PDB file of N, CA and C in Angstrom:
ATOM      1  N   MET A   1     108.320   0.560  79.111  1.00  0.00           N
ATOM      2  CA  MET A   1     107.849   1.889  79.349  1.00  0.00           C
ATOM      3  C   MET A   1     107.040   2.324  78.136  1.00  0.00           C
ATOM      4  N   ILE A   2     105.945   2.999  78.377  1.00  0.00           N
ATOM      5  CA  ILE A   2     105.070   3.505  77.318  1.00  0.00           C
ATOM      6  C   ILE A   2     105.096   5.022  77.350  1.00  0.00           C
ATOM      7  N   ASP A   3     105.082   5.611  76.184  1.00  0.00           N
ATOM      8  CA  ASP A   3     105.131   7.058  76.040  1.00  0.00           C
ATOM      9  C   ASP A   3     104.044   7.467  75.056  1.00  0.00           C
ATOM     10  N   GLY A   4     103.581   8.659  75.181  1.00  0.00           N
ATOM     11  CA  GLY A   4     102.614   9.176  74.224  1.00  0.00           C
ATOM     12  C   GLY A   4     103.307   9.914  73.101  1.00  0.00           C
ATOM     13  N   PRO A   5     102.556  10.233  72.047  1.00  0.00           N
ATOM     14  CA  PRO A   5     103.142  10.962  70.925  1.00  0.00           C
ATOM     15  C   PRO A   5     103.413  12.424  71.261  1.00  0.00           C
ATOM     16  N   VAL A   6     104.364  13.004  70.552  1.00  0.00           N
ATOM     17  CA  VAL A   6     104.764  14.395  70.777  1.00  0.00           C
ATOM     18  C   VAL A   6     103.579  15.343  70.634  1.00  0.00           C
ATOM     19  N   GLN A   7     102.699  15.091  69.647  1.00  0.00           N
ATOM     20  CA  GLN A   7     101.565  15.990  69.433  1.00  0.00           C
ATOM     21  C   GLN A   7     100.599  16.019  70.615  1.00  0.00           C
ATOM     22  N   ASN A   8     100.729  15.062  71.524  1.00  0.00           N
ATOM     23  CA  ASN A   8      99.913  15.057  72.743  1.00  0.00           C
ATOM     24  C   ASN A   8     100.659  15.660  73.926  1.00  0.00           C
ATOM     25  N   GLY A   9     101.802  16.271  73.655  1.00  0.00           N
ATOM     26  CA  GLY A   9     102.572  16.895  74.721  1.00  0.00           C
ATOM     27  C   GLY A   9     103.484  15.940  75.466  1.00  0.00           C
ATOM     28  N   CYS A  10     103.673  14.748  74.929  1.00  0.00           N
ATOM     29  CA  CYS A  10     104.535  13.748  75.564  1.00  0.00           C
ATOM     30  C   CYS A  10     105.939  13.823  74.951  1.00  0.00           C
ATOM     31  N   PRO A  11     106.941  13.246  75.633  1.00  0.00           N
ATOM     32  CA  PRO A  11     108.306  13.306  75.109  1.00  0.00           C
ATOM     33  C   PRO A  11     108.493  12.603  73.763  1.00  0.00           C
ATOM     34  N   GLY A  12     107.723  11.548  73.496  1.00  0.00           N
ATOM     35  CA  GLY A  12     107.879  10.829  72.236  1.00  0.00           C
ATOM     36  C   GLY A  12     109.158  10.033  72.153  1.00  0.00           C
ATOM     37  N   GLU A  13     109.661   9.568  73.288  1.00  0.00           N
ATOM     38  CA  GLU A  13     110.940   8.859  73.333  1.00  0.00           C
ATOM     39  C   GLU A  13     110.796   7.342  73.408  1.00  0.00           C
ATOM     40  N   GLU A  14     109.622   6.866  73.717  1.00  0.00           N
ATOM     41  CA  GLU A  14     109.410   5.428  73.903  1.00  0.00           C
ATOM     42  C   GLU A  14     108.291   4.947  72.980  1.00  0.00           C
ATOM     43  N   VAL A  15     107.961   3.688  73.102  1.00  0.00           N
ATOM     44  CA  VAL A  15     106.885   3.080  72.328  1.00  0.00           C
ATOM     45  C   VAL A  15     105.559   3.734  72.713  1.00  0.00           C
ATOM     46  N   THR A  16     104.722   3.983  71.702  1.00  0.00           N
ATOM     47  CA  THR A  16     103.426   4.619  71.960  1.00  0.00           C
ATOM     48  C   THR A  16     102.339   3.561  72.162  1.00  0.00           C
ATOM     49  N   PRO A  17     101.212   3.935  72.741  1.00  0.00           N
ATOM     50  CA  PRO A  17     100.106   2.989  72.881  1.00  0.00           C
ATOM     51  C   PRO A  17      99.668   2.391  71.537  1.00  0.00           C
ATOM     52  N   ALA A  18      99.631   3.194  70.483  1.00  0.00           N
ATOM     53  CA  ALA A  18      99.234   2.670  69.169  1.00  0.00           C
ATOM     54  C   ALA A  18     100.229   1.620  68.674  1.00  0.00           C
ATOM     55  N   GLU A  19     101.517   1.859  68.880  1.00  0.00           N
ATOM     56  CA  GLU A  19     102.533   0.884  68.469  1.00  0.00           C
ATOM     57  C   GLU A  19     102.401  -0.407  69.263  1.00  0.00           C
ATOM     58  N   LEU A  20     102.126  -0.307  70.546  1.00  0.00           N
ATOM     59  CA  LEU A  20     101.926  -1.508  71.360  1.00  0.00           C
ATOM     60  C   LEU A  20     100.677  -2.263  70.934  1.00  0.00           C
ATOM     61  N   PHE A  21      99.612  -1.538  70.615  1.00  0.00           N
ATOM     62  CA  PHE A  21      98.382  -2.162  70.137  1.00  0.00           C
ATOM     63  C   PHE A  21      98.660  -2.965  68.867  1.00  0.00           C
ATOM     64  N   LEU A  22      99.319  -2.332  67.897  1.00  0.00           N
ATOM     65  CA  LEU A  22      99.614  -3.013  66.637  1.00  0.00           C
ATOM     66  C   LEU A  22     100.527  -4.219  66.850  1.00  0.00           C
ATOM     67  N   SER A  23     101.518  -4.085  67.712  1.00  0.00           N
ATOM     68  CA  SER A  23     102.415  -5.209  68.018  1.00  0.00           C
ATOM     69  C   SER A  23     101.650  -6.371  68.631  1.00  0.00           C
ATOM     70  N   GLY A  24     100.743  -6.058  69.533  1.00  0.00           N
ATOM     71  CA  GLY A  24      99.941  -7.096  70.181  1.00  0.00           C
ATOM     72  C   GLY A  24      99.044  -7.830  69.203  1.00  0.00           C
ATOM     73  N   ILE A  25      98.412  -7.090  68.302  1.00  0.00           N
ATOM     74  CA  ILE A  25      97.548  -7.713  67.297  1.00  0.00           C
ATOM     75  C   ILE A  25      98.369  -8.621  66.382  1.00  0.00           C
ATOM     76  N   ALA A  26      99.525  -8.150  65.938  1.00  0.00           N
ATOM     77  CA  ALA A  26     100.382  -8.951  65.060  1.00  0.00           C
ATOM     78  C   ALA A  26     100.838 -10.225  65.766  1.00  0.00           C
ATOM     79  N   ALA A  27     101.285 -10.108  67.007  1.00  0.00           N
ATOM     80  CA  ALA A  27     101.742 -11.280  67.766  1.00  0.00           C
ATOM     81  C   ALA A  27     100.603 -12.264  67.985  1.00  0.00           C
ATOM     82  N   CYS A  28      99.425 -11.757  68.280  1.00  0.00           N
ATOM     83  CA  CYS A  28      98.253 -12.608  68.480  1.00  0.00           C
ATOM     84  C   CYS A  28      97.920 -13.357  67.191  1.00  0.00           C
ATOM     85  N   GLY A  29      98.011 -12.666  66.057  1.00  0.00           N
ATOM     86  CA  GLY A  29      97.732 -13.306  64.779  1.00  0.00           C
ATOM     87  C   GLY A  29      98.682 -14.452  64.490  1.00  0.00           C
ATOM     88  N   VAL A  30      99.959 -14.240  64.727  1.00  0.00           N
ATOM     89  CA  VAL A  30     100.953 -15.295  64.508  1.00  0.00           C
ATOM     90  C   VAL A  30     100.666 -16.482  65.423  1.00  0.00           C
ATOM     91  N   GLU A  31     100.421 -16.217  66.685  1.00  0.00           N
ATOM     92  CA  GLU A  31     100.160 -17.294  67.653  1.00  0.00           C
ATOM     93  C   GLU A  31      98.908 -18.078  67.278  1.00  0.00           C
ATOM     94  N   LEU A  32      97.851 -17.381  66.881  1.00  0.00           N
ATOM     95  CA  LEU A  32      96.617 -18.073  66.501  1.00  0.00           C
ATOM     96  C   LEU A  32      96.826 -18.950  65.273  1.00  0.00           C
ATOM     97  N   LEU A  33      97.515 -18.439  64.259  1.00  0.00           N
ATOM     98  CA  LEU A  33      97.754 -19.247  63.064  1.00  0.00           C
ATOM     99  C   LEU A  33      98.575 -20.488  63.393  1.00  0.00           C
ATOM    100  N   GLN A  34      99.575 -20.339  64.254  1.00  0.00           N
ATOM    101  CA  GLN A  34     100.368 -21.498  64.671  1.00  0.00           C
ATOM    102  C   GLN A  34      99.502 -22.502  65.429  1.00  0.00           C
ATOM    103  N   SER A  35      98.633 -22.022  66.296  1.00  0.00           N
ATOM    104  CA  SER A  35      97.742 -22.908  67.059  1.00  0.00           C
ATOM    105  C   SER A  35      96.760 -23.627  66.144  1.00  0.00           C
ATOM    106  N   PHE A  36      96.164 -22.896  65.201  1.00  0.00           N
ATOM    107  CA  PHE A  36      95.228 -23.509  64.259  1.00  0.00           C
ATOM    108  C   PHE A  36      95.928 -24.586  63.440  1.00  0.00           C
ATOM    109  N   ALA A  37      97.125 -24.287  62.950  1.00  0.00           N
ATOM    110  CA  ALA A  37      97.869 -25.243  62.131  1.00  0.00           C
ATOM    111  C   ALA A  37      98.198 -26.501  62.929  1.00  0.00           C
ATOM    112  N   LYS A  38      98.618 -26.323  64.162  1.00  0.00           N
ATOM    113  CA  LYS A  38      98.951 -27.481  65.001  1.00  0.00           C
ATOM    114  C   LYS A  38      97.715 -28.334  65.253  1.00  0.00           C
ATOM    115  N   ALA A  39      96.600 -27.689  65.584  1.00  0.00           N
ATOM    116  CA  ALA A  39      95.365 -28.418  65.874  1.00  0.00           C
ATOM    117  C   ALA A  39      94.861 -29.183  64.649  1.00  0.00           C
ATOM    118  N   ASP A  40      95.057 -28.614  63.460  1.00  0.00           N
ATOM    119  CA  ASP A  40      94.581 -29.235  62.224  1.00  0.00           C
ATOM    120  C   ASP A  40      95.650 -30.072  61.528  1.00  0.00           C
ATOM    121  N   GLN A  41      96.808 -30.199  62.153  1.00  0.00           N
ATOM    122  CA  GLN A  41      97.944 -30.945  61.601  1.00  0.00           C
ATOM    123  C   GLN A  41      98.337 -30.431  60.212  1.00  0.00           C
ATOM    124  N   VAL A  42      98.350 -29.115  60.079  1.00  0.00           N
ATOM    125  CA  VAL A  42      98.792 -28.452  58.852  1.00  0.00           C
ATOM    126  C   VAL A  42     100.287 -28.169  59.014  1.00  0.00           C
ATOM    127  N   PRO A  43     101.112 -28.500  58.011  1.00  0.00           N
ATOM    128  CA  PRO A  43     102.570 -28.401  58.153  1.00  0.00           C
ATOM    129  C   PRO A  43     103.120 -26.971  58.031  1.00  0.00           C
ATOM    130  N   LEU A  44     102.649 -26.100  58.860  1.00  0.00           N
ATOM    131  CA  LEU A  44     103.110 -24.710  58.849  1.00  0.00           C
ATOM    132  C   LEU A  44     104.534 -24.659  59.400  1.00  0.00           C
ATOM    133  N   ARG A  45     105.486 -24.210  58.585  1.00  0.00           N
ATOM    134  CA  ARG A  45     106.888 -24.146  59.006  1.00  0.00           C
ATOM    135  C   ARG A  45     107.302 -22.770  59.492  1.00  0.00           C
ATOM    136  N   GLY A  46     106.540 -21.744  59.130  1.00  0.00           N
ATOM    137  CA  GLY A  46     106.895 -20.401  59.560  1.00  0.00           C
ATOM    138  C   GLY A  46     105.801 -19.406  59.235  1.00  0.00           C
ATOM    139  N   VAL A  47     105.744 -18.365  60.042  1.00  0.00           N
ATOM    140  CA  VAL A  47     104.777 -17.282  59.842  1.00  0.00           C
ATOM    141  C   VAL A  47     105.495 -15.967  60.085  1.00  0.00           C
ATOM    142  N   SER A  48     105.287 -15.029  59.184  1.00  0.00           N
ATOM    143  CA  SER A  48     105.710 -13.657  59.455  1.00  0.00           C
ATOM    144  C   SER A  48     104.520 -12.762  59.140  1.00  0.00           C
ATOM    145  N   VAL A  49     104.518 -11.597  59.745  1.00  0.00           N
ATOM    146  CA  VAL A  49     103.386 -10.689  59.556  1.00  0.00           C
ATOM    147  C   VAL A  49     103.893  -9.258  59.498  1.00  0.00           C
ATOM    148  N   GLU A  50     103.264  -8.475  58.669  1.00  0.00           N
ATOM    149  CA  GLU A  50     103.460  -7.027  58.644  1.00  0.00           C
ATOM    150  C   GLU A  50     102.117  -6.421  59.000  1.00  0.00           C
ATOM    151  N   ILE A  51     102.137  -5.358  59.779  1.00  0.00           N
ATOM    152  CA  ILE A  51     100.897  -4.709  60.191  1.00  0.00           C
ATOM    153  C   ILE A  51     101.073  -3.203  60.087  1.00  0.00           C
ATOM    154  N   ASP A  52     100.018  -2.541  59.688  1.00  0.00           N
ATOM    155  CA  ASP A  52     100.041  -1.082  59.719  1.00  0.00           C
ATOM    156  C   ASP A  52      98.651  -0.578  60.068  1.00  0.00           C
ATOM    157  N   GLY A  53      98.640   0.559  60.691  1.00  0.00           N
ATOM    158  CA  GLY A  53      97.388   1.203  61.066  1.00  0.00           C
ATOM    159  C   GLY A  53      97.337   2.601  60.493  1.00  0.00           C
ATOM    160  N   THR A  54      96.141   3.044  60.177  1.00  0.00           N
ATOM    161  CA  THR A  54      95.943   4.380  59.623  1.00  0.00           C
ATOM    162  C   THR A  54      95.090   5.201  60.573  1.00  0.00           C
ATOM    163  N   LEU A  55      95.582   6.385  60.883  1.00  0.00           N
ATOM    164  CA  LEU A  55      94.834   7.344  61.692  1.00  0.00           C
ATOM    165  C   LEU A  55      94.603   8.563  60.819  1.00  0.00           C
ATOM    166  N   ASP A  56      93.364   8.773  60.419  1.00  0.00           N
ATOM    167  CA  ASP A  56      92.999   9.902  59.564  1.00  0.00           C
ATOM    168  C   ASP A  56      92.337  10.958  60.439  1.00  0.00           C
ATOM    169  N   ARG A  57      93.117  11.942  60.835  1.00  0.00           N
ATOM    170  CA  ARG A  57      92.583  12.983  61.720  1.00  0.00           C
ATOM    171  C   ARG A  57      91.505  13.831  61.042  1.00  0.00           C
ATOM    172  N   GLY A  58      91.463  13.834  59.716  1.00  0.00           N
ATOM    173  CA  GLY A  58      90.427  14.557  58.989  1.00  0.00           C
ATOM    174  C   GLY A  58      89.110  13.802  58.906  1.00  0.00           C
ATOM    175  N   ASN A  59      89.140  12.521  59.245  1.00  0.00           N
ATOM    176  CA  ASN A  59      87.952  11.671  59.206  1.00  0.00           C
ATOM    177  C   ASN A  59      87.945  10.786  60.451  1.00  0.00           C
ATOM    178  N   PRO A  60      87.801  11.388  61.638  1.00  0.00           N
ATOM    179  CA  PRO A  60      87.927  10.618  62.876  1.00  0.00           C
ATOM    180  C   PRO A  60      86.793   9.610  63.074  1.00  0.00           C
ATOM    181  N   VAL A  61      87.160   8.470  63.647  1.00  0.00           N
ATOM    182  CA  VAL A  61      86.178   7.453  64.015  1.00  0.00           C
ATOM    183  C   VAL A  61      85.340   7.961  65.183  1.00  0.00           C
ATOM    184  N   ARG A  62      86.003   8.626  66.113  1.00  0.00           N
ATOM    185  CA  ARG A  62      85.340   9.235  67.273  1.00  0.00           C
ATOM    186  C   ARG A  62      85.897  10.633  67.459  1.00  0.00           C
ATOM    187  N   SER A  63      85.070  11.527  67.930  1.00  0.00           N
ATOM    188  CA  SER A  63      85.523  12.906  68.122  1.00  0.00           C
ATOM    189  C   SER A  63      86.189  13.126  69.474  1.00  0.00           C
ATOM    190  N   ASP A  64      85.981  12.209  70.415  1.00  0.00           N
ATOM    191  CA  ASP A  64      86.480  12.410  71.776  1.00  0.00           C
ATOM    192  C   ASP A  64      87.843  11.781  72.046  1.00  0.00           C
ATOM    193  N   LEU A  65      88.333  10.925  71.137  1.00  0.00           N
ATOM    194  CA  LEU A  65      89.659  10.331  71.310  1.00  0.00           C
ATOM    195  C   LEU A  65      90.180   9.822  69.982  1.00  0.00           C
ATOM    196  N   SER A  66      91.467   9.560  69.937  1.00  0.00           N
ATOM    197  CA  SER A  66      92.098   9.072  68.699  1.00  0.00           C
ATOM    198  C   SER A  66      91.911   7.566  68.573  1.00  0.00           C
ATOM    199  N   VAL A  67      91.347   7.156  67.460  1.00  0.00           N
ATOM    200  CA  VAL A  67      91.125   5.745  67.166  1.00  0.00           C
ATOM    201  C   VAL A  67      91.602   5.496  65.738  1.00  0.00           C
ATOM    202  N   LEU A  68      92.309   4.401  65.522  1.00  0.00           N
ATOM    203  CA  LEU A  68      92.763   4.069  64.175  1.00  0.00           C
ATOM    204  C   LEU A  68      91.562   3.855  63.255  1.00  0.00           C
ATOM    205  N   ASN A  69      91.641   4.410  62.062  1.00  0.00           N
ATOM    206  CA  ASN A  69      90.572   4.225  61.077  1.00  0.00           C
ATOM    207  C   ASN A  69      90.610   2.826  60.473  1.00  0.00           C
ATOM    208  N   SER A  70      91.810   2.282  60.324  1.00  0.00           N
ATOM    209  CA  SER A  70      91.933   0.941  59.757  1.00  0.00           C
ATOM    210  C   SER A  70      93.235   0.297  60.222  1.00  0.00           C
ATOM    211  N   VAL A  71      93.221  -1.022  60.211  1.00  0.00           N
ATOM    212  CA  VAL A  71      94.403  -1.826  60.517  1.00  0.00           C
ATOM    213  C   VAL A  71      94.478  -2.911  59.448  1.00  0.00           C
ATOM    214  N   HIS A  72      95.643  -3.081  58.839  1.00  0.00           N
ATOM    215  CA  HIS A  72      95.836  -4.106  57.814  1.00  0.00           C
ATOM    216  C   HIS A  72      96.980  -5.029  58.213  1.00  0.00           C
ATOM    217  N   LEU A  73      96.735  -6.327  58.065  1.00  0.00           N
ATOM    218  CA  LEU A  73      97.752  -7.347  58.327  1.00  0.00           C
ATOM    219  C   LEU A  73      98.076  -8.061  57.020  1.00  0.00           C
ATOM    220  N   ARG A  74      99.358  -8.368  56.818  1.00  0.00           N
ATOM    221  CA  ARG A  74      99.813  -9.151  55.679  1.00  0.00           C
ATOM    222  C   ARG A  74     100.646 -10.314  56.224  1.00  0.00           C
ATOM    223  N   PHE A  75     100.114 -11.517  56.081  1.00  0.00           N
ATOM    224  CA  PHE A  75     100.790 -12.709  56.582  1.00  0.00           C
ATOM    225  C   PHE A  75     101.582 -13.375  55.465  1.00  0.00           C
ATOM    226  N   ASN A  76     102.726 -13.934  55.819  1.00  0.00           N
ATOM    227  CA  ASN A  76     103.521 -14.769  54.930  1.00  0.00           C
ATOM    228  C   ASN A  76     103.628 -16.123  55.618  1.00  0.00           C
ATOM    229  N   LEU A  77     103.023 -17.135  55.008  1.00  0.00           N
ATOM    230  CA  LEU A  77     103.005 -18.483  55.588  1.00  0.00           C
ATOM    231  C   LEU A  77     103.934 -19.376  54.781  1.00  0.00           C
ATOM    232  N   ARG A  78     104.740 -20.172  55.465  1.00  0.00           N
ATOM    233  CA  ARG A  78     105.672 -21.083  54.807  1.00  0.00           C
ATOM    234  C   ARG A  78     105.334 -22.535  55.161  1.00  0.00           C
ATOM    235  N   GLY A  79     105.430 -23.393  54.148  1.00  0.00           N
ATOM    236  CA  GLY A  79     105.233 -24.819  54.368  1.00  0.00           C
ATOM    237  C   GLY A  79     103.823 -25.311  54.122  1.00  0.00           C
ATOM    238  N   VAL A  80     102.935 -24.432  53.695  1.00  0.00           N
ATOM    239  CA  VAL A  80     101.545 -24.834  53.473  1.00  0.00           C
ATOM    240  C   VAL A  80     101.155 -24.575  52.019  1.00  0.00           C
ATOM    241  N   THR A  81     100.125 -25.272  51.572  1.00  0.00           N
ATOM    242  CA  THR A  81      99.588 -25.003  50.242  1.00  0.00           C
ATOM    243  C   THR A  81      98.780 -23.708  50.293  1.00  0.00           C
ATOM    244  N   GLU A  82      98.451 -23.202  49.113  1.00  0.00           N
ATOM    245  CA  GLU A  82      97.632 -21.986  49.053  1.00  0.00           C
ATOM    246  C   GLU A  82      96.281 -22.213  49.731  1.00  0.00           C
ATOM    247  N   ALA A  83      95.683 -23.377  49.508  1.00  0.00           N
ATOM    248  CA  ALA A  83      94.382 -23.688  50.119  1.00  0.00           C
ATOM    249  C   ALA A  83      94.492 -23.782  51.641  1.00  0.00           C
ATOM    250  N   GLN A  84      95.543 -24.429  52.130  1.00  0.00           N
ATOM    251  CA  GLN A  84      95.737 -24.525  53.583  1.00  0.00           C
ATOM    252  C   GLN A  84      95.944 -23.147  54.189  1.00  0.00           C
ATOM    253  N   GLY A  85      96.760 -22.328  53.533  1.00  0.00           N
ATOM    254  CA  GLY A  85      97.001 -20.973  54.018  1.00  0.00           C
ATOM    255  C   GLY A  85      95.730 -20.149  54.042  1.00  0.00           C
ATOM    256  N   ALA A  86      94.947 -20.243  52.973  1.00  0.00           N
ATOM    257  CA  ALA A  86      93.685 -19.498  52.909  1.00  0.00           C
ATOM    258  C   ALA A  86      92.743 -19.930  54.024  1.00  0.00           C
ATOM    259  N   ALA A  87      92.705 -21.225  54.312  1.00  0.00           N
ATOM    260  CA  ALA A  87      91.839 -21.726  55.384  1.00  0.00           C
ATOM    261  C   ALA A  87      92.298 -21.206  56.747  1.00  0.00           C
ATOM    262  N   LEU A  88      93.606 -21.180  56.978  1.00  0.00           N
ATOM    263  CA  LEU A  88      94.124 -20.655  58.247  1.00  0.00           C
ATOM    264  C   LEU A  88      93.792 -19.173  58.397  1.00  0.00           C
ATOM    265  N   ILE A  89      93.981 -18.409  57.338  1.00  0.00           N
ATOM    266  CA  ILE A  89      93.694 -16.971  57.387  1.00  0.00           C
ATOM    267  C   ILE A  89      92.206 -16.732  57.603  1.00  0.00           C
ATOM    268  N   GLN A  90      91.359 -17.516  56.941  1.00  0.00           N
ATOM    269  CA  GLN A  90      89.913 -17.350  57.121  1.00  0.00           C
ATOM    270  C   GLN A  90      89.513 -17.644  58.564  1.00  0.00           C
ATOM    271  N   ARG A  91      90.116 -18.649  59.152  1.00  0.00           N
ATOM    272  CA  ARG A  91      89.836 -18.963  60.562  1.00  0.00           C
ATOM    273  C   ARG A  91      90.224 -17.804  61.460  1.00  0.00           C
ATOM    274  N   PHE A  92      91.363 -17.186  61.167  1.00  0.00           N
ATOM    275  CA  PHE A  92      91.798 -16.011  61.929  1.00  0.00           C
ATOM    276  C   PHE A  92      90.791 -14.876  61.768  1.00  0.00           C
ATOM    277  N   LYS A  93      90.340 -14.630  60.551  1.00  0.00           N
ATOM    278  CA  LYS A  93      89.372 -13.558  60.302  1.00  0.00           C
ATOM    279  C   LYS A  93      88.050 -13.806  61.022  1.00  0.00           C
ATOM    280  N   ASN A  94      87.659 -15.070  61.109  1.00  0.00           N
ATOM    281  CA  ASN A  94      86.390 -15.413  61.761  1.00  0.00           C
ATOM    282  C   ASN A  94      86.461 -15.344  63.275  1.00  0.00           C
ATOM    283  N   ARG A  95      87.624 -15.269  63.807  1.00  0.00           N
ATOM    284  CA  ARG A  95      87.850 -15.279  65.257  1.00  0.00           C
ATOM    285  C   ARG A  95      87.250 -14.087  65.923  1.00  0.00           C
TER     286      ARG A  95
END
């Protein structure tokens, strides 16, 4: 079930569209890194990710709807060298 934020007149009791968006991006990032590592035979043993989004209502991206101003991901890769990890992350960024 999806719910909107309280400031939009919604109950605010369930996951919001923005939270689902961020969850989807994070999950996609993990899956892509695992796929890239498998295809390149990189010994990736684990991936974790933290994601956050910023909505600056004082500096809106669009005036007609709410859009996140920025999204930041922080990946933690296990089992790879720094160079291998950097290559996997760069591939994700280029996607």
